[in-house]
Amino acid sequence: MAREGAIEVEGVIVEVLPNQMYRVELANGHRVLAYVTGRVRLSFAHLAGGARVRLDMSPYDLSKGCIIVETQAV
């Protein structure tokens, strides 16, 4: 379930960064910095480049997002 007022989008991981941070490219070509929620961390999901993920983004800062679930790999 998404936070109230959050924008939910899908994207593809293009770069894996230290400390469970990821660079994600959205469908419109925009790249955002994303981190992993606790729910995904608890499931021991090891995300790699090319993985399709769903993000929660705040309408106030569209340069960062929160990975809420991994969808299918590309």
Protein backbone atom coordinates (compact mmCIF):
# COMPACT_ATOMS: atom_id res chain seq x y z
CA MET A 1 0.00 0.00 0.00
CA ALA A 2 1.39 3.36 -1.04
CA ARG A 3 1.72 6.37 1.21
CA GLU A 4 -0.99 8.96 0.93
CA GLY A 5 -0.11 11.53 -1.74
CA ALA A 6 2.81 9.50 -3.09
CA ILE A 7 3.32 8.92 -6.80
CA GLU A 8 3.73 5.26 -7.76
CA VAL A 9 5.81 4.57 -10.90
CA GLU A 10 7.70 1.69 -12.48
CA GLY A 11 11.28 1.71 -13.66
CA VAL A 12 14.38 -0.34 -14.43
CA ILE A 13 17.54 -0.42 -12.30
CA VAL A 14 20.44 0.84 -14.40
CA GLU A 15 23.13 1.19 -11.72
CA VAL A 16 23.75 -0.41 -8.34
CA LEU A 17 25.32 1.99 -5.81
CA PRO A 18 26.75 1.38 -2.30
CA ASN A 19 24.51 1.10 0.80
CA GLN A 20 21.55 -0.44 -1.05
CA MET A 21 21.02 2.62 -3.23
CA TYR A 22 20.09 2.29 -6.88
CA ARG A 23 19.88 4.51 -9.96
CA VAL A 24 16.52 3.78 -11.62
CA GLU A 25 15.40 4.88 -15.07
CA LEU A 26 11.69 5.55 -15.46
CA ALA A 27 9.65 4.98 -18.63
CA ASN A 28 9.94 8.65 -19.62
CA GLY A 29 13.77 8.50 -19.48
CA HIS A 30 14.09 10.36 -16.16
CA ARG A 31 16.67 8.85 -13.77
CA VAL A 32 16.12 8.92 -10.02
CA LEU A 33 18.07 7.83 -6.95
CA ALA A 34 16.19 5.07 -5.12
CA TYR A 35 16.58 3.27 -1.82
CA VAL A 36 15.00 0.06 -0.56
CA THR A 37 12.17 -0.04 1.97
CA GLY A 38 12.38 -2.19 5.07
CA ARG A 39 9.79 -4.59 3.69
CA VAL A 40 11.97 -5.40 0.67
CA ARG A 41 15.10 -5.58 2.86
CA LEU A 42 13.44 -8.13 5.13
CA SER A 43 12.67 -10.38 2.16
CA PHE A 44 16.42 -10.43 1.36
CA ALA A 45 15.82 -9.26 -2.19
CA HIS A 46 19.12 -8.80 -3.98
CA LEU A 47 18.36 -6.38 -6.76
CA ALA A 48 20.62 -6.30 -9.80
CA GLY A 49 20.90 -4.15 -12.88
CA GLY A 50 18.02 -4.68 -15.29
CA ALA A 51 15.48 -5.56 -12.58
CA ARG A 52 12.06 -3.94 -12.96
CA VAL A 53 10.91 -2.26 -9.75
CA ARG A 54 7.99 -0.19 -8.51
CA LEU A 55 8.81 3.10 -6.78
CA ASP A 56 7.03 5.45 -4.42
CA MET A 57 7.98 9.06 -5.06
CA SER A 58 7.08 12.16 -3.11
CA PRO A 59 5.40 14.89 -5.17
CA TYR A 60 7.74 17.38 -3.49
CA ASP A 61 11.06 15.79 -4.53
CA LEU A 62 10.96 13.94 -7.85
CA SER A 63 14.69 13.15 -7.83
CA LYS A 64 14.42 10.42 -5.15
CA GLY A 65 12.27 7.36 -4.74
CA CYS A 66 11.64 4.40 -2.49
CA ILE A 67 11.62 0.88 -3.98
CA ILE A 68 8.51 -0.83 -2.66
CA VAL A 69 8.46 -4.05 -4.67
CA GLU A 70 10.45 -5.88 -7.32
CA THR A 71 8.41 -6.80 -10.37
CA GLN A 72 9.63 -9.18 -13.06
CA ALA A 73 13.22 -9.12 -14.31
CA VAL A 74 13.82 -7.93 -17.85
